[in-house]
PDB file of N, CA and C in Angstrom:
ATOM      1  N   MET A   1      91.574  67.097 104.701  1.00  0.00           N
ATOM      2  CA  MET A   1      92.415  67.746 105.677  1.00  0.00           C
ATOM      3  C   MET A   1      91.898  69.174 105.896  1.00  0.00           C
ATOM      4  N   LYS A   2      92.047  69.645 107.133  1.00  0.00           N
ATOM      5  CA  LYS A   2      91.546  70.965 107.483  1.00  0.00           C
ATOM      6  C   LYS A   2      92.524  71.638 108.442  1.00  0.00           C
ATOM      7  N   LEU A   3      92.861  72.888 108.190  1.00  0.00           N
ATOM      8  CA  LEU A   3      93.682  73.669 109.104  1.00  0.00           C
ATOM      9  C   LEU A   3      92.849  73.963 110.344  1.00  0.00           C
ATOM     10  N   LEU A   4      93.361  73.643 111.527  1.00  0.00           N
ATOM     11  CA  LEU A   4      92.602  73.829 112.758  1.00  0.00           C
ATOM     12  C   LEU A   4      92.855  75.173 113.431  1.00  0.00           C
ATOM     13  N   HIS A   5      94.117  75.543 113.564  1.00  0.00           N
ATOM     14  CA  HIS A   5      94.413  76.828 114.196  1.00  0.00           C
ATOM     15  C   HIS A   5      95.832  77.278 113.861  1.00  0.00           C
ATOM     16  N   THR A   6      96.092  78.525 114.185  1.00  0.00           N
ATOM     17  CA  THR A   6      97.422  79.104 114.101  1.00  0.00           C
ATOM     18  C   THR A   6      97.808  79.505 115.510  1.00  0.00           C
ATOM     19  N   MET A   7      99.069  79.285 115.894  1.00  0.00           N
ATOM     20  CA  MET A   7      99.524  79.634 117.235  1.00  0.00           C
ATOM     21  C   MET A   7     100.569  80.733 117.156  1.00  0.00           C
ATOM     22  N   ILE A   8     100.439  81.709 118.053  1.00  0.00           N
ATOM     23  CA  ILE A   8     101.463  82.738 118.212  1.00  0.00           C
ATOM     24  C   ILE A   8     101.770  82.886 119.701  1.00  0.00           C
ATOM     25  N   ARG A   9     103.008  83.203 120.019  1.00  0.00           N
ATOM     26  CA  ARG A   9     103.413  83.435 121.405  1.00  0.00           C
ATOM     27  C   ARG A   9     103.236  84.919 121.719  1.00  0.00           C
ATOM     28  N   VAL A  10     102.745  85.183 122.916  1.00  0.00           N
ATOM     29  CA  VAL A  10     102.498  86.571 123.299  1.00  0.00           C
ATOM     30  C   VAL A  10     103.209  86.903 124.610  1.00  0.00           C
ATOM     31  N   LYS A  11     103.582  88.163 124.745  1.00  0.00           N
ATOM     32  CA  LYS A  11     104.302  88.629 125.937  1.00  0.00           C
ATOM     33  C   LYS A  11     103.341  89.022 127.055  1.00  0.00           C
ATOM     34  N   ASP A  12     102.273  89.715 126.727  1.00  0.00           N
ATOM     35  CA  ASP A  12     101.315  90.210 127.719  1.00  0.00           C
ATOM     36  C   ASP A  12      99.942  89.676 127.339  1.00  0.00           C
ATOM     37  N   ILE A  13      99.491  88.643 128.019  1.00  0.00           N
ATOM     38  CA  ILE A  13      98.242  87.985 127.640  1.00  0.00           C
ATOM     39  C   ILE A  13      97.037  88.913 127.779  1.00  0.00           C
ATOM     40  N   GLU A  14      97.042  89.781 128.767  1.00  0.00           N
ATOM     41  CA  GLU A  14      95.893  90.688 128.944  1.00  0.00           C
ATOM     42  C   GLU A  14      95.762  91.647 127.759  1.00  0.00           C
ATOM     43  N   LYS A  15      96.876  92.230 127.323  1.00  0.00           N
ATOM     44  CA  LYS A  15      96.850  93.129 126.156  1.00  0.00           C
ATOM     45  C   LYS A  15      96.417  92.375 124.903  1.00  0.00           C
ATOM     46  N   SER A  16      96.947  91.164 124.743  1.00  0.00           N
ATOM     47  CA  SER A  16      96.612  90.372 123.550  1.00  0.00           C
ATOM     48  C   SER A  16      95.155  89.944 123.553  1.00  0.00           C
ATOM     49  N   LEU A  17      94.652  89.506 124.702  1.00  0.00           N
ATOM     50  CA  LEU A  17      93.236  89.120 124.781  1.00  0.00           C
ATOM     51  C   LEU A  17      92.333  90.316 124.482  1.00  0.00           C
ATOM     52  N   LYS A  18      92.674  91.460 125.026  1.00  0.00           N
ATOM     53  CA  LYS A  18      91.881  92.671 124.769  1.00  0.00           C
ATOM     54  C   LYS A  18      91.890  93.004 123.276  1.00  0.00           C
ATOM     55  N   PHE A  19      93.063  92.971 122.663  1.00  0.00           N
ATOM     56  CA  PHE A  19      93.196  93.285 121.244  1.00  0.00           C
ATOM     57  C   PHE A  19      92.338  92.341 120.397  1.00  0.00           C
ATOM     58  N   TYR A  20      92.499  91.042 120.603  1.00  0.00           N
ATOM     59  CA  TYR A  20      91.815  90.074 119.746  1.00  0.00           C
ATOM     60  C   TYR A  20      90.323  89.922 120.061  1.00  0.00           C
ATOM     61  N   THR A  21      89.910  90.140 121.311  1.00  0.00           N
ATOM     62  CA  THR A  21      88.482  90.007 121.609  1.00  0.00           C
ATOM     63  C   THR A  21      87.723  91.297 121.333  1.00  0.00           C
ATOM     64  N   GLU A  22      88.295  92.430 121.694  1.00  0.00           N
ATOM     65  CA  GLU A  22      87.578  93.690 121.505  1.00  0.00           C
ATOM     66  C   GLU A  22      87.727  94.244 120.091  1.00  0.00           C
ATOM     67  N   LEU A  23      88.946  94.436 119.650  1.00  0.00           N
ATOM     68  CA  LEU A  23      89.160  95.044 118.329  1.00  0.00           C
ATOM     69  C   LEU A  23      88.873  94.059 117.196  1.00  0.00           C
ATOM     70  N   MET A  24      89.390  92.835 117.313  1.00  0.00           N
ATOM     71  CA  MET A  24      89.254  91.862 116.230  1.00  0.00           C
ATOM     72  C   MET A  24      87.998  90.995 116.355  1.00  0.00           C
ATOM     73  N   GLU A  25      87.216  91.208 117.395  1.00  0.00           N
ATOM     74  CA  GLU A  25      85.908  90.566 117.591  1.00  0.00           C
ATOM     75  C   GLU A  25      85.960  89.037 117.648  1.00  0.00           C
ATOM     76  N   MET A  26      87.035  88.508 118.220  1.00  0.00           N
ATOM     77  CA  MET A  26      87.118  87.063 118.429  1.00  0.00           C
ATOM     78  C   MET A  26      86.637  86.780 119.850  1.00  0.00           C
ATOM     79  N   SER A  27      86.277  85.543 120.120  1.00  0.00           N
ATOM     80  CA  SER A  27      85.850  85.189 121.470  1.00  0.00           C
ATOM     81  C   SER A  27      86.723  84.056 121.999  1.00  0.00           C
ATOM     82  N   LEU A  28      86.875  84.031 123.308  1.00  0.00           N
ATOM     83  CA  LEU A  28      87.671  82.991 123.945  1.00  0.00           C
ATOM     84  C   LEU A  28      86.859  81.710 123.954  1.00  0.00           C
ATOM     85  N   ALA A  29      87.335  80.696 123.232  1.00  0.00           N
ATOM     86  CA  ALA A  29      86.621  79.422 123.119  1.00  0.00           C
ATOM     87  C   ALA A  29      87.018  78.460 124.234  1.00  0.00           C
ATOM     88  N   LYS A  30      88.307  78.438 124.542  1.00  0.00           N
ATOM     89  CA  LYS A  30      88.777  77.564 125.618  1.00  0.00           C
ATOM     90  C   LYS A  30      90.161  78.000 126.065  1.00  0.00           C
ATOM     91  N   LYS A  31      90.502  77.534 127.245  1.00  0.00           N
ATOM     92  CA  LYS A  31      91.792  77.846 127.852  1.00  0.00           C
ATOM     93  C   LYS A  31      92.345  76.538 128.402  1.00  0.00           C
ATOM     94  N   LYS A  32      93.650  76.330 128.248  1.00  0.00           N
ATOM     95  CA  LYS A  32      94.239  75.086 128.710  1.00  0.00           C
ATOM     96  C   LYS A  32      95.595  75.367 129.340  1.00  0.00           C
ATOM     97  N   ARG A  33      95.813  74.774 130.492  1.00  0.00           N
ATOM     98  CA  ARG A  33      97.093  74.905 131.195  1.00  0.00           C
ATOM     99  C   ARG A  33      97.976  73.712 130.848  1.00  0.00           C
ATOM    100  N   LEU A  34      99.197  73.978 130.414  1.00  0.00           N
ATOM    101  CA  LEU A  34     100.210  72.950 130.223  1.00  0.00           C
ATOM    102  C   LEU A  34     101.268  73.138 131.310  1.00  0.00           C
ATOM    103  N   GLU A  35     102.265  72.305 131.288  1.00  0.00           N
ATOM    104  CA  GLU A  35     103.290  72.353 132.333  1.00  0.00           C
ATOM    105  C   GLU A  35     103.994  73.711 132.418  1.00  0.00           C
ATOM    106  N   ASP A  36     104.269  74.315 131.278  1.00  0.00           N
ATOM    107  CA  ASP A  36     105.065  75.547 131.268  1.00  0.00           C
ATOM    108  C   ASP A  36     104.383  76.736 130.602  1.00  0.00           C
ATOM    109  N   CYS A  37     103.095  76.609 130.314  1.00  0.00           N
ATOM    110  CA  CYS A  37     102.416  77.714 129.632  1.00  0.00           C
ATOM    111  C   CYS A  37     100.900  77.587 129.751  1.00  0.00           C
ATOM    112  N   GLU A  38     100.240  78.662 129.357  1.00  0.00           N
ATOM    113  CA  GLU A  38      98.776  78.701 129.296  1.00  0.00           C
ATOM    114  C   GLU A  38      98.411  78.940 127.834  1.00  0.00           C
ATOM    115  N   LEU A  39      97.450  78.166 127.333  1.00  0.00           N
ATOM    116  CA  LEU A  39      96.991  78.310 125.953  1.00  0.00           C
ATOM    117  C   LEU A  39      95.597  78.932 125.952  1.00  0.00           C
ATOM    118  N   TYR A  40      95.406  79.916 125.103  1.00  0.00           N
ATOM    119  CA  TYR A  40      94.115  80.593 124.955  1.00  0.00           C
ATOM    120  C   TYR A  40      93.682  80.420 123.506  1.00  0.00           C
ATOM    121  N   PHE A  41      92.556  79.739 123.297  1.00  0.00           N
ATOM    122  CA  PHE A  41      92.048  79.516 121.947  1.00  0.00           C
ATOM    123  C   PHE A  41      90.929  80.511 121.669  1.00  0.00           C
ATOM    124  N   LEU A  42      91.160  81.379 120.701  1.00  0.00           N
ATOM    125  CA  LEU A  42      90.179  82.377 120.300  1.00  0.00           C
ATOM    126  C   LEU A  42      89.556  81.944 118.991  1.00  0.00           C
ATOM    127  N   THR A  43      88.293  82.312 118.783  1.00  0.00           N
ATOM    128  CA  THR A  43      87.632  81.936 117.539  1.00  0.00           C
ATOM    129  C   THR A  43      86.787  83.085 117.004  1.00  0.00           C
ATOM    130  N   ASP A  44      86.596  83.047 115.700  1.00  0.00           N
ATOM    131  CA  ASP A  44      85.663  83.967 115.042  1.00  0.00           C
ATOM    132  C   ASP A  44      84.427  83.188 114.593  1.00  0.00           C
ATOM    133  N   GLY A  45      84.335  81.941 115.016  1.00  0.00           N
ATOM    134  CA  GLY A  45      83.221  81.084 114.641  1.00  0.00           C
ATOM    135  C   GLY A  45      83.614  80.014 113.648  1.00  0.00           C
ATOM    136  N   THR A  46      84.676  80.254 112.897  1.00  0.00           N
ATOM    137  CA  THR A  46      85.131  79.261 111.920  1.00  0.00           C
ATOM    138  C   THR A  46      86.612  78.934 112.066  1.00  0.00           C
ATOM    139  N   THR A  47      87.409  79.894 112.486  1.00  0.00           N
ATOM    140  CA  THR A  47      88.849  79.728 112.580  1.00  0.00           C
ATOM    141  C   THR A  47      89.308  79.986 114.012  1.00  0.00           C
ATOM    142  N   GLU A  48      90.355  79.290 114.434  1.00  0.00           N
ATOM    143  CA  GLU A  48      90.896  79.514 115.769  1.00  0.00           C
ATOM    144  C   GLU A  48      92.309  80.089 115.710  1.00  0.00           C
ATOM    145  N   LEU A  49      92.584  80.930 116.682  1.00  0.00           N
ATOM    146  CA  LEU A  49      93.910  81.487 116.888  1.00  0.00           C
ATOM    147  C   LEU A  49      94.309  81.112 118.304  1.00  0.00           C
ATOM    148  N   GLU A  50      95.440  80.442 118.447  1.00  0.00           N
ATOM    149  CA  GLU A  50      95.929  80.037 119.766  1.00  0.00           C
ATOM    150  C   GLU A  50      96.974  81.044 120.228  1.00  0.00           C
ATOM    151  N   LEU A  51      96.709  81.685 121.355  1.00  0.00           N
ATOM    152  CA  LEU A  51      97.681  82.571 121.979  1.00  0.00           C
ATOM    153  C   LEU A  51      98.376  81.764 123.060  1.00  0.00           C
ATOM    154  N   THR A  52      99.685  81.636 122.970  1.00  0.00           N
ATOM    155  CA  THR A  52     100.453  80.890 123.962  1.00  0.00           C
ATOM    156  C   THR A  52     101.187  81.873 124.858  1.00  0.00           C
ATOM    157  N   TYR A  53     100.902  81.765 126.146  1.00  0.00           N
ATOM    158  CA  TYR A  53     101.546  82.625 127.138  1.00  0.00           C
ATOM    159  C   TYR A  53     102.442  81.743 128.001  1.00  0.00           C
ATOM    160  N   ASN A  54     103.738  81.785 127.733  1.00  0.00           N
ATOM    161  CA  ASN A  54     104.708  80.953 128.443  1.00  0.00           C
ATOM    162  C   ASN A  54     104.999  81.516 129.829  1.00  0.00           C
ATOM    163  N   ASP A  55     105.244  80.616 130.783  1.00  0.00           N
ATOM    164  CA  ASP A  55     105.588  81.041 132.142  1.00  0.00           C
ATOM    165  C   ASP A  55     106.873  81.859 132.147  1.00  0.00           C
ATOM    166  N   GLU A  56     107.824  81.469 131.317  1.00  0.00           N
ATOM    167  CA  GLU A  56     109.080  82.203 131.213  1.00  0.00           C
ATOM    168  C   GLU A  56     109.124  82.916 129.870  1.00  0.00           C
ATOM    169  N   THR A  57     108.539  84.099 129.863  1.00  0.00           N
ATOM    170  CA  THR A  57     108.461  84.905 128.653  1.00  0.00           C
ATOM    171  C   THR A  57     109.617  85.901 128.633  1.00  0.00           C
ATOM    172  N   PRO A  58     110.324  86.024 127.525  1.00  0.00           N
ATOM    173  CA  PRO A  58     111.406  87.017 127.461  1.00  0.00           C
ATOM    174  C   PRO A  58     110.873  88.416 127.779  1.00  0.00           C
ATOM    175  N   GLU A  59     111.628  89.145 128.574  1.00  0.00           N
ATOM    176  CA  GLU A  59     111.199  90.477 128.993  1.00  0.00           C
ATOM    177  C   GLU A  59     110.897  91.391 127.800  1.00  0.00           C
ATOM    178  N   THR A  60     111.654  91.244 126.728  1.00  0.00           N
ATOM    179  CA  THR A  60     111.465  92.091 125.549  1.00  0.00           C
ATOM    180  C   THR A  60     110.486  91.485 124.545  1.00  0.00           C
ATOM    181  N   GLY A  61     109.912  90.335 124.871  1.00  0.00           N
ATOM    182  CA  GLY A  61     108.986  89.690 123.941  1.00  0.00           C
ATOM    183  C   GLY A  61     109.730  88.710 123.055  1.00  0.00           C
ATOM    184  N   TYR A  62     109.072  88.285 122.005  1.00  0.00           N
ATOM    185  CA  TYR A  62     109.633  87.272 121.115  1.00  0.00           C
ATOM    186  C   TYR A  62     110.147  87.899 119.828  1.00  0.00           C
ATOM    187  N   GLU A  63     111.159  87.281 119.244  1.00  0.00           N
ATOM    188  CA  GLU A  63     111.648  87.702 117.949  1.00  0.00           C
ATOM    189  C   GLU A  63     110.748  87.075 116.891  1.00  0.00           C
ATOM    190  N   LEU A  64     110.214  87.888 116.004  1.00  0.00           N
ATOM    191  CA  LEU A  64     109.278  87.384 115.011  1.00  0.00           C
ATOM    192  C   LEU A  64     109.970  86.751 113.813  1.00  0.00           C
ATOM    193  N   GLY A  65     111.232  87.043 113.624  1.00  0.00           N
ATOM    194  CA  GLY A  65     111.952  86.446 112.504  1.00  0.00           C
ATOM    195  C   GLY A  65     111.531  87.040 111.176  1.00  0.00           C
ATOM    196  N   ASN A  66     112.026  86.453 110.092  1.00  0.00           N
ATOM    197  CA  ASN A  66     111.680  86.985 108.779  1.00  0.00           C
ATOM    198  C   ASN A  66     110.917  85.974 107.931  1.00  0.00           C
ATOM    199  N   GLY A  67     110.474  84.879 108.535  1.00  0.00           N
ATOM    200  CA  GLY A  67     109.718  83.879 107.789  1.00  0.00           C
ATOM    201  C   GLY A  67     108.223  84.078 107.877  1.00  0.00           C
ATOM    202  N   PHE A  68     107.749  84.599 108.986  1.00  0.00           N
ATOM    203  CA  PHE A  68     106.321  84.814 109.173  1.00  0.00           C
ATOM    204  C   PHE A  68     105.895  86.083 108.462  1.00  0.00           C
ATOM    205  N   GLY A  69     104.751  86.029 107.784  1.00  0.00           N
ATOM    206  CA  GLY A  69     104.248  87.206 107.078  1.00  0.00           C
ATOM    207  C   GLY A  69     103.183  87.940 107.880  1.00  0.00           C
ATOM    208  N   HIS A  70     101.960  87.416 107.874  1.00  0.00           N
ATOM    209  CA  HIS A  70     100.876  88.101 108.566  1.00  0.00           C
ATOM    210  C   HIS A  70      99.682  87.170 108.734  1.00  0.00           C
ATOM    211  N   LEU A  71      98.763  87.584 109.593  1.00  0.00           N
ATOM    212  CA  LEU A  71      97.448  86.980 109.702  1.00  0.00           C
ATOM    213  C   LEU A  71      96.526  87.847 108.851  1.00  0.00           C
ATOM    214  N   ALA A  72      95.461  87.277 108.306  1.00  0.00           N
ATOM    215  CA  ALA A  72      94.535  88.061 107.482  1.00  0.00           C
ATOM    216  C   ALA A  72      93.117  87.899 108.019  1.00  0.00           C
ATOM    217  N   PHE A  73      92.398  89.017 108.121  1.00  0.00           N
ATOM    218  CA  PHE A  73      91.020  89.044 108.584  1.00  0.00           C
ATOM    219  C   PHE A  73      90.155  89.772 107.564  1.00  0.00           C
ATOM    220  N   ALA A  74      88.967  89.254 107.307  1.00  0.00           N
ATOM    221  CA  ALA A  74      87.991  89.949 106.467  1.00  0.00           C
ATOM    222  C   ALA A  74      87.247  90.942 107.349  1.00  0.00           C
ATOM    223  N   VAL A  75      86.981  92.119 106.822  1.00  0.00           N
ATOM    224  CA  VAL A  75      86.155  93.115 107.515  1.00  0.00           C
ATOM    225  C   VAL A  75      85.048  93.560 106.580  1.00  0.00           C
ATOM    226  N   GLU A  76      83.893  93.864 107.147  1.00  0.00           N
ATOM    227  CA  GLU A  76      82.764  94.342 106.347  1.00  0.00           C
ATOM    228  C   GLU A  76      83.066  95.712 105.760  1.00  0.00           C
ATOM    229  N   SER A  77      83.615  96.592 106.617  1.00  0.00           N
ATOM    230  CA  SER A  77      83.856  97.976 106.207  1.00  0.00           C
ATOM    231  C   SER A  77      85.127  98.492 106.867  1.00  0.00           C
ATOM    232  N   LEU A  78      86.104  98.866 106.062  1.00  0.00           N
ATOM    233  CA  LEU A  78      87.321  99.443 106.624  1.00  0.00           C
ATOM    234  C   LEU A  78      87.047 100.818 107.222  1.00  0.00           C
ATOM    235  N   ALA A  79      86.067 101.518 106.715  1.00  0.00           N
ATOM    236  CA  ALA A  79      85.716 102.823 107.289  1.00  0.00           C
ATOM    237  C   ALA A  79      85.231 102.646 108.728  1.00  0.00           C
ATOM    238  N   GLU A  80      84.353 101.664 108.953  1.00  0.00           N
ATOM    239  CA  GLU A  80      83.866 101.399 110.313  1.00  0.00           C
ATOM    240  C   GLU A  80      84.983 100.853 111.190  1.00  0.00           C
ATOM    241  N   PHE A  81      85.820  99.988 110.633  1.00  0.00           N
ATOM    242  CA  PHE A  81      86.926  99.440 111.404  1.00  0.00           C
ATOM    243  C   PHE A  81      87.889 100.555 111.816  1.00  0.00           C
ATOM    244  N   THR A  82      88.112 101.532 110.940  1.00  0.00           N
ATOM    245  CA  THR A  82      89.006 102.647 111.249  1.00  0.00           C
ATOM    246  C   THR A  82      88.523 103.405 112.481  1.00  0.00           C
ATOM    247  N   GLU A  83      87.222 103.634 112.582  1.00  0.00           N
ATOM    248  CA  GLU A  83      86.659 104.313 113.759  1.00  0.00           C
ATOM    249  C   GLU A  83      86.947 103.512 115.023  1.00  0.00           C
ATOM    250  N   LYS A  84      86.725 102.213 114.952  1.00  0.00           N
ATOM    251  CA  LYS A  84      86.957 101.332 116.093  1.00  0.00           C
ATOM    252  C   LYS A  84      88.446 101.289 116.443  1.00  0.00           C
ATOM    253  N   LEU A  85      89.301 101.214 115.441  1.00  0.00           N
ATOM    254  CA  LEU A  85      90.745 101.184 115.638  1.00  0.00           C
ATOM    255  C   LEU A  85      91.200 102.410 116.420  1.00  0.00           C
ATOM    256  N   ARG A  86      90.741 103.564 116.004  1.00  0.00           N
ATOM    257  CA  ARG A  86      91.114 104.821 116.667  1.00  0.00           C
ATOM    258  C   ARG A  86      90.547 104.877 118.091  1.00  0.00           C
ATOM    259  N   LYS A  87      89.318 104.372 118.269  1.00  0.00           N
ATOM    260  CA  LYS A  87      88.669 104.354 119.581  1.00  0.00           C
ATOM    261  C   LYS A  87      89.515 103.579 120.599  1.00  0.00           C
ATOM    262  N   TYR A  88      90.115 102.473 120.160  1.00  0.00           N
ATOM    263  CA  TYR A  88      90.935 101.656 121.053  1.00  0.00           C
ATOM    264  C   TYR A  88      92.390 102.109 121.115  1.00  0.00           C
ATOM    265  N   GLY A  89      92.722 103.177 120.400  1.00  0.00           N
ATOM    266  CA  GLY A  89      94.061 103.749 120.485  1.00  0.00           C
ATOM    267  C   GLY A  89      95.120 103.099 119.628  1.00  0.00           C
ATOM    268  N   TYR A  90      94.690 102.367 118.603  1.00  0.00           N
ATOM    269  CA  TYR A  90      95.647 101.735 117.695  1.00  0.00           C
ATOM    270  C   TYR A  90      95.758 102.554 116.410  1.00  0.00           C
ATOM    271  N   GLU A  91      96.822 102.291 115.646  1.00  0.00           N
ATOM    272  CA  GLU A  91      97.038 102.985 114.383  1.00  0.00           C
ATOM    273  C   GLU A  91      97.323 101.969 113.286  1.00  0.00           C
ATOM    274  N   TYR A  92      97.144 102.406 112.065  1.00  0.00           N
ATOM    275  CA  TYR A  92      97.470 101.562 110.922  1.00  0.00           C
ATOM    276  C   TYR A  92      98.973 101.516 110.709  1.00  0.00           C
ATOM    277  N   LEU A  93      99.447 100.375 110.297  1.00  0.00           N
ATOM    278  CA  LEU A  93     100.810 100.252 109.793  1.00  0.00           C
ATOM    279  C   LEU A  93     100.803 100.767 108.356  1.00  0.00           C
ATOM    280  N   TYR A  94      99.801 100.327 107.576  1.00  0.00           N
ATOM    281  CA  TYR A  94      99.540 100.826 106.233  1.00  0.00           C
ATOM    282  C   TYR A  94      98.061 101.159 106.159  1.00  0.00           C
ATOM    283  N   GLU A  95      97.758 102.413 105.880  1.00  0.00           N
ATOM    284  CA  GLU A  95      96.377 102.879 105.782  1.00  0.00           C
ATOM    285  C   GLU A  95      95.628 102.121 104.680  1.00  0.00           C
ATOM    286  N   PRO A  96      94.300 102.066 104.747  1.00  0.00           N
ATOM    287  CA  PRO A  96      93.515 101.374 103.711  1.00  0.00           C
ATOM    288  C   PRO A  96      93.816 101.923 102.313  1.00  0.00           C
ATOM    289  N   PHE A  97      93.926 100.996 101.363  1.00  0.00           N
ATOM    290  CA  PHE A  97      94.120 101.398  99.972  1.00  0.00           C
ATOM    291  C   PHE A  97      93.438 100.393  99.058  1.00  0.00           C
ATOM    292  N   ASP A  98      93.100 100.860  97.855  1.00  0.00           N
ATOM    293  CA  ASP A  98      92.433 100.028  96.855  1.00  0.00           C
ATOM    294  C   ASP A  98      93.442  99.032  96.306  1.00  0.00           C
ATOM    295  N   LEU A  99      93.101  97.767  96.398  1.00  0.00           N
ATOM    296  CA  LEU A  99      94.021  96.707  96.024  1.00  0.00           C
ATOM    297  C   LEU A  99      94.095  96.460  94.525  1.00  0.00           C
ATOM    298  N   ASN A 100      92.952  96.464  93.861  1.00  0.00           N
ATOM    299  CA  ASN A 100      92.953  96.011  92.467  1.00  0.00           C
ATOM    300  C   ASN A 100      92.217  96.936  91.500  1.00  0.00           C
ATOM    301  N   GLY A 101      91.841  98.108  91.949  1.00  0.00           N
ATOM    302  CA  GLY A 101      91.133  99.036  91.067  1.00  0.00           C
ATOM    303  C   GLY A 101      89.665  98.693  90.895  1.00  0.00           C
ATOM    304  N   LYS A 102      89.186  97.684  91.591  1.00  0.00           N
ATOM    305  CA  LYS A 102      87.782  97.273  91.488  1.00  0.00           C
ATOM    306  C   LYS A 102      87.020  97.519  92.780  1.00  0.00           C
ATOM    307  N   GLY A 103      87.659  98.195  93.727  1.00  0.00           N
ATOM    308  CA  GLY A 103      86.980  98.544  94.964  1.00  0.00           C
ATOM    309  C   GLY A 103      87.386  97.749  96.184  1.00  0.00           C
ATOM    310  N   SER A 104      88.055  96.616  96.016  1.00  0.00           N
ATOM    311  CA  SER A 104      88.533  95.867  97.180  1.00  0.00           C
ATOM    312  C   SER A 104      89.645  96.661  97.846  1.00  0.00           C
ATOM    313  N   LYS A 105      89.595  96.724  99.177  1.00  0.00           N
ATOM    314  CA  LYS A 105      90.589  97.495  99.915  1.00  0.00           C
ATOM    315  C   LYS A 105      91.284  96.603 100.925  1.00  0.00           C
ATOM    316  N   ILE A 106      92.539  96.943 101.219  1.00  0.00           N
ATOM    317  CA  ILE A 106      93.269  96.274 102.279  1.00  0.00           C
ATOM    318  C   ILE A 106      93.979  97.314 103.130  1.00  0.00           C
ATOM    319  N   ALA A 107      94.356  96.898 104.329  1.00  0.00           N
ATOM    320  CA  ALA A 107      95.128  97.730 105.247  1.00  0.00           C
ATOM    321  C   ALA A 107      95.896  96.787 106.156  1.00  0.00           C
ATOM    322  N   PHE A 108      96.876  97.318 106.866  1.00  0.00           N
ATOM    323  CA  PHE A 108      97.654  96.509 107.806  1.00  0.00           C
ATOM    324  C   PHE A 108      97.753  97.203 109.151  1.00  0.00           C
ATOM    325  N   ILE A 109      97.688  96.388 110.206  1.00  0.00           N
ATOM    326  CA  ILE A 109      97.916  96.848 111.567  1.00  0.00           C
ATOM    327  C   ILE A 109      98.880  95.867 112.225  1.00  0.00           C
ATOM    328  N   LYS A 110      99.317  96.190 113.435  1.00  0.00           N
ATOM    329  CA  LYS A 110     100.134  95.260 114.224  1.00  0.00           C
ATOM    330  C   LYS A 110      99.427  95.014 115.545  1.00  0.00           C
ATOM    331  N   ASP A 111      99.543  93.776 116.042  1.00  0.00           N
ATOM    332  CA  ASP A 111      98.976  93.457 117.349  1.00  0.00           C
ATOM    333  C   ASP A 111      99.979  93.884 118.427  1.00  0.00           C
ATOM    334  N   PRO A 112      99.652  93.728 119.712  1.00  0.00           N
ATOM    335  CA  PRO A 112     100.562  94.191 120.772  1.00  0.00           C
ATOM    336  C   PRO A 112     101.962  93.579 120.735  1.00  0.00           C
ATOM    337  N   ASP A 113     102.121  92.413 120.116  1.00  0.00           N
ATOM    338  CA  ASP A 113     103.436  91.784 120.033  1.00  0.00           C
ATOM    339  C   ASP A 113     104.152  92.055 118.715  1.00  0.00           C
ATOM    340  N   GLY A 114     103.542  92.839 117.842  1.00  0.00           N
ATOM    341  CA  GLY A 114     104.178  93.193 116.582  1.00  0.00           C
ATOM    342  C   GLY A 114     103.831  92.296 115.412  1.00  0.00           C
ATOM    343  N   TYR A 115     102.936  91.313 115.629  1.00  0.00           N
ATOM    344  CA  TYR A 115     102.505  90.479 114.504  1.00  0.00           C
ATOM    345  C   TYR A 115     101.664  91.340 113.561  1.00  0.00           C
ATOM    346  N   GLU A 116     101.967  91.252 112.260  1.00  0.00           N
ATOM    347  CA  GLU A 116     101.198  92.030 111.294  1.00  0.00           C
ATOM    348  C   GLU A 116      99.883  91.338 110.974  1.00  0.00           C
ATOM    349  N   ILE A 117      98.862  92.173 110.788  1.00  0.00           N
ATOM    350  CA  ILE A 117      97.530  91.692 110.453  1.00  0.00           C
ATOM    351  C   ILE A 117      97.042  92.448 109.233  1.00  0.00           C
ATOM    352  N   GLU A 118      96.665  91.704 108.205  1.00  0.00           N
ATOM    353  CA  GLU A 118      96.075  92.289 106.997  1.00  0.00           C
ATOM    354  C   GLU A 118      94.570  92.301 107.172  1.00  0.00           C
ATOM    355  N   LEU A 119      93.966  93.431 106.865  1.00  0.00           N
ATOM    356  CA  LEU A 119      92.512  93.584 106.898  1.00  0.00           C
ATOM    357  C   LEU A 119      92.029  93.695 105.453  1.00  0.00           C
ATOM    358  N   ILE A 120      91.046  92.917 105.100  1.00  0.00           N
ATOM    359  CA  ILE A 120      90.580  92.868 103.713  1.00  0.00           C
ATOM    360  C   ILE A 120      89.095  93.170 103.645  1.00  0.00           C
ATOM    361  N   GLU A 121      88.758  94.215 102.905  1.00  0.00           N
ATOM    362  CA  GLU A 121      87.360  94.545 102.612  1.00  0.00           C
ATOM    363  C   GLU A 121      87.131  94.215 101.145  1.00  0.00           C
ATOM    364  N   LYS A 122      86.363  93.170 100.895  1.00  0.00           N
ATOM    365  CA  LYS A 122      86.140  92.741  99.511  1.00  0.00           C
ATOM    366  C   LYS A 122      84.856  93.335  98.969  1.00  0.00           C
ATOM    367  N   VAL A 123      84.891  93.624  97.691  1.00  0.00           N
ATOM    368  CA  VAL A 123      83.708  94.105  96.988  1.00  0.00           C
ATOM    369  C   VAL A 123      82.834  92.901  96.668  1.00  0.00           C
ATOM    370  N   VAL A 124      81.554  93.029  96.963  1.00  0.00           N
ATOM    371  CA  VAL A 124      80.618  91.954  96.629  1.00  0.00           C
ATOM    372  C   VAL A 124      80.065  92.242  95.248  1.00  0.00           C
ATOM    373  N   TRP A 125      80.202  91.286  94.362  1.00  0.00           N
ATOM    374  CA  TRP A 125      79.738  91.476  92.981  1.00  0.00           C
ATOM    375  C   TRP A 125      78.295  91.097  92.855  1.00  0.00           C
TER     376      TRP A 125
END
């Protein structure tokens, strides 16, 4: 068995596509129209994220609830990512910090719809 993708609903598809393609370096793999929505499948080469843009989207966006935690992305360098983050006008929810005292670092940001994203820079042994 293999996990194929994760789906999230988005309020503004243009903002979300920009965030995930430019900042998070994913690419649009395919797009599909259904009766009441448009699906955008983004990939990093191994994993897919489905952005669902419904025809009738709540004006204030979607309620994220308290069951969903976050998406997690590996980054080569949080220092380099920080420069890019600032360039695109985004800020950290939680600034980078050492996770385990061995050099691995994590940080958190939010996407345009408020979904939390964990960024992980692992130390290579």
